[in-house]
Amino acid sequence: MKIGCNIGGMFMNILAYADDVVLLAPSWFALQQLIDALVCGACDIDMQCNTNKTVCMVFPPKDKRKIVASAFPGFVLNGATLKYVSEFISWAYD
């Protein structure tokens, strides 16, 4: 999709392990595009994302001059608005 983040010289937009998925994007719009693509791909294989266990997290840039906003609209997955979190502990969602 040509959307993703440069991590250690590698261009990435998805990390997955078992039934856990992390989407990485450089902007709000890019992440919503990845979420929409994930929903389409999951539908193709008769799967759904659990919106009760799906959260969003924003990592501000190291260079504070590059901050474009302090708040963002909610992301939408299957018609549900996802909540934002400031930290994530995976065992709390299993």
N, C-alpha and C. Protein backbone atom coordinates (compact mmCIF):
# COMPACT_ATOMS: atom_id res chain seq x y z
N MET A 1 0.81 -1.21 0.00
CA MET A 1 0.00 0.00 0.00
C MET A 1 0.85 1.27 0.00
N LYS A 2 2.14 1.13 0.11
CA LYS A 2 3.04 2.31 0.14
C LYS A 2 2.73 3.21 1.33
N ILE A 3 2.25 2.63 2.43
CA ILE A 3 2.00 3.36 3.67
C ILE A 3 2.79 2.65 4.76
N GLY A 4 3.49 3.40 5.59
CA GLY A 4 4.21 2.75 6.68
C GLY A 4 5.22 3.68 7.32
N CYS A 5 6.00 3.11 8.22
CA CYS A 5 7.01 3.86 8.96
C CYS A 5 8.39 3.24 8.72
N ASN A 6 9.40 4.08 8.70
CA ASN A 6 10.77 3.62 8.55
C ASN A 6 11.29 3.26 9.94
N ILE A 7 11.54 1.98 10.16
CA ILE A 7 12.05 1.51 11.44
C ILE A 7 13.37 0.79 11.18
N GLY A 8 14.43 1.37 11.65
CA GLY A 8 15.75 0.77 11.46
C GLY A 8 16.10 0.55 10.00
N GLY A 9 15.66 1.44 9.14
CA GLY A 9 15.95 1.32 7.72
C GLY A 9 15.00 0.42 6.96
N MET A 10 14.02 -0.16 7.65
CA MET A 10 13.02 -1.01 6.99
C MET A 10 11.68 -0.30 6.98
N PHE A 11 10.97 -0.38 5.87
CA PHE A 11 9.66 0.23 5.71
C PHE A 11 8.61 -0.76 6.18
N MET A 12 7.85 -0.44 7.25
CA MET A 12 6.88 -1.38 7.81
C MET A 12 5.53 -0.70 8.04
N ASN A 13 4.47 -1.51 7.89
CA ASN A 13 3.15 -1.01 8.24
C ASN A 13 2.34 -2.01 9.06
N ILE A 14 2.85 -3.22 9.22
CA ILE A 14 2.12 -4.21 10.01
C ILE A 14 3.10 -5.15 10.73
N LEU A 15 2.80 -5.42 11.99
CA LEU A 15 3.51 -6.42 12.77
C LEU A 15 2.44 -7.39 13.26
N ALA A 16 2.68 -8.67 13.15
CA ALA A 16 1.66 -9.65 13.56
C ALA A 16 2.31 -10.82 14.29
N TYR A 17 1.59 -11.31 15.30
CA TYR A 17 2.01 -12.49 16.04
C TYR A 17 0.74 -13.18 16.51
N ALA A 18 0.54 -14.41 16.09
CA ALA A 18 -0.67 -15.18 16.42
C ALA A 18 -1.89 -14.35 16.01
N ASP A 19 -2.75 -14.00 16.96
CA ASP A 19 -3.95 -13.23 16.60
C ASP A 19 -3.81 -11.74 16.95
N ASP A 20 -2.59 -11.29 17.22
CA ASP A 20 -2.35 -9.88 17.52
C ASP A 20 -1.76 -9.18 16.30
N VAL A 21 -2.26 -7.98 16.03
CA VAL A 21 -1.80 -7.20 14.88
C VAL A 21 -1.54 -5.77 15.35
N VAL A 22 -0.41 -5.21 14.89
CA VAL A 22 -0.08 -3.81 15.13
C VAL A 22 0.07 -3.15 13.77
N LEU A 23 -0.68 -2.07 13.56
CA LEU A 23 -0.56 -1.30 12.33
C LEU A 23 0.27 -0.06 12.62
N LEU A 24 1.17 0.28 11.71
CA LEU A 24 2.07 1.43 11.87
C LEU A 24 1.88 2.39 10.70
N ALA A 25 1.67 3.66 11.01
CA ALA A 25 1.48 4.64 9.94
C ALA A 25 2.02 5.99 10.40
N PRO A 26 2.47 6.81 9.45
CA PRO A 26 3.05 8.10 9.80
C PRO A 26 2.02 9.22 10.00
N SER A 27 0.74 8.96 9.72
CA SER A 27 -0.27 10.01 9.87
C SER A 27 -1.62 9.39 10.22
N TRP A 28 -2.52 10.24 10.68
CA TRP A 28 -3.87 9.79 11.00
C TRP A 28 -4.53 9.18 9.77
N PHE A 29 -4.49 9.92 8.66
CA PHE A 29 -5.13 9.46 7.42
C PHE A 29 -4.56 8.13 6.96
N ALA A 30 -3.24 7.99 7.02
CA ALA A 30 -2.60 6.74 6.58
C ALA A 30 -3.04 5.56 7.45
N LEU A 31 -3.16 5.78 8.76
CA LEU A 31 -3.59 4.68 9.63
C LEU A 31 -5.04 4.30 9.35
N GLN A 32 -5.90 5.28 9.09
CA GLN A 32 -7.29 4.93 8.77
C GLN A 32 -7.33 4.12 7.48
N GLN A 33 -6.48 4.44 6.51
CA GLN A 33 -6.41 3.64 5.28
C GLN A 33 -5.98 2.21 5.59
N LEU A 34 -5.00 2.03 6.47
CA LEU A 34 -4.56 0.68 6.83
C LEU A 34 -5.67 -0.08 7.56
N ILE A 35 -6.39 0.60 8.45
CA ILE A 35 -7.51 -0.04 9.15
C ILE A 35 -8.55 -0.50 8.15
N ASP A 36 -8.89 0.35 7.19
CA ASP A 36 -9.88 -0.02 6.17
C ASP A 36 -9.40 -1.22 5.34
N ALA A 37 -8.12 -1.25 4.99
CA ALA A 37 -7.57 -2.38 4.24
C ALA A 37 -7.59 -3.65 5.08
N LEU A 38 -7.30 -3.53 6.38
CA LEU A 38 -7.35 -4.69 7.27
C LEU A 38 -8.76 -5.26 7.33
N VAL A 39 -9.75 -4.39 7.44
CA VAL A 39 -11.15 -4.84 7.48
C VAL A 39 -11.51 -5.58 6.20
N CYS A 40 -11.09 -5.05 5.06
CA CYS A 40 -11.38 -5.72 3.78
C CYS A 40 -10.69 -7.07 3.68
N GLY A 41 -9.42 -7.11 4.09
CA GLY A 41 -8.68 -8.38 4.04
C GLY A 41 -9.26 -9.40 4.99
N ALA A 42 -9.65 -8.98 6.18
CA ALA A 42 -10.26 -9.90 7.15
C ALA A 42 -11.58 -10.43 6.61
N CYS A 43 -12.36 -9.58 6.00
CA CYS A 43 -13.65 -9.99 5.43
C CYS A 43 -13.44 -11.04 4.34
N ASP A 44 -12.40 -10.87 3.54
CA ASP A 44 -12.11 -11.83 2.46
C ASP A 44 -11.87 -13.24 2.98
N ILE A 45 -11.36 -13.36 4.22
CA ILE A 45 -11.11 -14.70 4.79
C ILE A 45 -12.08 -15.02 5.92
N ASP A 46 -13.23 -14.30 5.91
CA ASP A 46 -14.32 -14.54 6.87
C ASP A 46 -13.87 -14.36 8.32
N MET A 47 -13.15 -13.28 8.58
CA MET A 47 -12.73 -12.94 9.94
C MET A 47 -13.20 -11.53 10.26
N GLN A 48 -13.21 -11.21 11.56
CA GLN A 48 -13.58 -9.87 12.00
C GLN A 48 -12.60 -9.39 13.05
N CYS A 49 -12.46 -8.08 13.17
CA CYS A 49 -11.65 -7.49 14.21
C CYS A 49 -12.55 -7.19 15.41
N ASN A 50 -12.07 -7.48 16.60
CA ASN A 50 -12.82 -7.23 17.81
C ASN A 50 -12.61 -5.78 18.23
N THR A 51 -13.63 -4.95 18.03
CA THR A 51 -13.50 -3.53 18.34
C THR A 51 -13.43 -3.26 19.84
N ASN A 52 -13.84 -4.21 20.66
CA ASN A 52 -13.73 -4.04 22.11
C ASN A 52 -12.29 -4.22 22.60
N LYS A 53 -11.47 -4.89 21.82
CA LYS A 53 -10.08 -5.16 22.21
C LYS A 53 -9.08 -4.38 21.36
N THR A 54 -9.57 -3.53 20.47
CA THR A 54 -8.71 -2.78 19.56
C THR A 54 -8.55 -1.36 20.08
N VAL A 55 -7.31 -0.91 20.20
CA VAL A 55 -7.03 0.44 20.70
C VAL A 55 -6.02 1.13 19.80
N CYS A 56 -5.93 2.44 19.96
CA CYS A 56 -5.00 3.25 19.18
C CYS A 56 -4.06 3.99 20.11
N MET A 57 -2.83 4.17 19.63
CA MET A 57 -1.82 4.87 20.42
C MET A 57 -1.03 5.78 19.48
N VAL A 58 -0.80 7.01 19.92
CA VAL A 58 -0.05 7.98 19.12
C VAL A 58 1.31 8.19 19.78
N PHE A 59 2.36 8.10 18.99
CA PHE A 59 3.71 8.38 19.45
C PHE A 59 4.14 9.71 18.86
N PRO A 60 4.33 10.72 19.68
CA PRO A 60 4.73 12.02 19.14
C PRO A 60 6.16 11.96 18.59
N PRO A 61 6.46 12.82 17.63
CA PRO A 61 7.82 12.85 17.08
C PRO A 61 8.82 13.33 18.13
N LYS A 62 10.05 12.85 18.01
CA LYS A 62 11.09 13.30 18.93
C LYS A 62 11.33 14.80 18.80
N ASP A 63 11.28 15.28 17.58
CA ASP A 63 11.45 16.71 17.32
C ASP A 63 10.10 17.40 17.54
N LYS A 64 9.94 18.09 18.65
CA LYS A 64 8.66 18.71 19.02
C LYS A 64 8.17 19.72 17.98
N ARG A 65 9.06 20.24 17.15
CA ARG A 65 8.64 21.17 16.10
C ARG A 65 7.82 20.48 15.02
N LYS A 66 7.86 19.14 14.97
CA LYS A 66 7.13 18.39 13.95
C LYS A 66 5.74 17.95 14.41
N ILE A 67 5.35 18.31 15.63
CA ILE A 67 4.01 17.97 16.12
C ILE A 67 2.99 18.79 15.35
N VAL A 68 2.02 18.10 14.75
CA VAL A 68 1.01 18.79 13.93
C VAL A 68 -0.31 18.97 14.68
N ALA A 69 -0.55 18.16 15.72
CA ALA A 69 -1.79 18.27 16.49
C ALA A 69 -1.59 17.60 17.84
N SER A 70 -2.35 18.04 18.82
CA SER A 70 -2.28 17.39 20.13
C SER A 70 -3.43 16.40 20.32
N ALA A 71 -4.43 16.46 19.46
CA ALA A 71 -5.56 15.53 19.51
C ALA A 71 -5.95 15.18 18.08
N PHE A 72 -6.48 13.99 17.91
CA PHE A 72 -6.86 13.50 16.59
C PHE A 72 -8.27 12.95 16.64
N PRO A 73 -8.96 12.91 15.49
CA PRO A 73 -10.28 12.27 15.46
C PRO A 73 -10.14 10.78 15.76
N GLY A 74 -11.21 10.17 16.20
CA GLY A 74 -11.19 8.74 16.44
C GLY A 74 -11.07 7.95 15.15
N PHE A 75 -10.40 6.82 15.22
CA PHE A 75 -10.35 5.92 14.07
C PHE A 75 -11.61 5.08 14.07
N VAL A 76 -12.07 4.70 12.89
CA VAL A 76 -13.29 3.92 12.77
C VAL A 76 -12.98 2.55 12.19
N LEU A 77 -13.46 1.51 12.88
CA LEU A 77 -13.28 0.13 12.44
C LEU A 77 -14.65 -0.54 12.53
N ASN A 78 -15.16 -1.02 11.41
CA ASN A 78 -16.48 -1.66 11.36
C ASN A 78 -17.57 -0.78 11.97
N GLY A 79 -17.50 0.53 11.74
CA GLY A 79 -18.51 1.45 12.24
C GLY A 79 -18.33 1.87 13.68
N ALA A 80 -17.38 1.28 14.40
CA ALA A 80 -17.13 1.63 15.80
C ALA A 80 -15.93 2.57 15.88
N THR A 81 -16.03 3.59 16.72
CA THR A 81 -14.91 4.50 16.96
C THR A 81 -13.99 3.87 18.00
N LEU A 82 -12.73 3.75 17.66
CA LEU A 82 -11.75 3.12 18.55
C LEU A 82 -11.26 4.11 19.59
N LYS A 83 -10.94 3.60 20.78
CA LYS A 83 -10.45 4.48 21.84
C LYS A 83 -8.93 4.61 21.76
N TYR A 84 -8.45 5.74 22.27
CA TYR A 84 -7.02 5.99 22.37
C TYR A 84 -6.54 5.57 23.75
N VAL A 85 -5.31 5.09 23.82
CA VAL A 85 -4.68 4.76 25.10
C VAL A 85 -3.30 5.42 25.14
N SER A 86 -2.80 5.65 26.36
CA SER A 86 -1.47 6.24 26.49
C SER A 86 -0.41 5.17 26.75
N GLU A 87 -0.86 3.97 27.16
CA GLU A 87 0.04 2.83 27.30
C GLU A 87 -0.76 1.57 27.01
N PHE A 88 -0.03 0.50 26.72
CA PHE A 88 -0.69 -0.75 26.35
C PHE A 88 -0.01 -1.91 27.06
N ILE A 89 -0.80 -2.71 27.75
CA ILE A 89 -0.31 -3.92 28.39
C ILE A 89 -1.09 -5.08 27.78
N SER A 90 -0.42 -5.91 26.99
CA SER A 90 -1.13 -6.93 26.21
C SER A 90 -1.90 -7.92 27.07
N TRP A 91 -1.38 -8.28 28.23
CA TRP A 91 -2.07 -9.28 29.04
C TRP A 91 -3.42 -8.77 29.53
N ALA A 92 -3.61 -7.46 29.56
CA ALA A 92 -4.88 -6.91 30.03
C ALA A 92 -5.99 -7.12 29.02
N TYR A 93 -5.63 -7.46 27.79
CA TYR A 93 -6.64 -7.62 26.74
C TYR A 93 -6.82 -9.07 26.31
N ASP A 94 -6.11 -10.00 26.90
CA ASP A 94 -6.24 -11.41 26.50
C ASP A 94 -7.50 -12.03 27.06
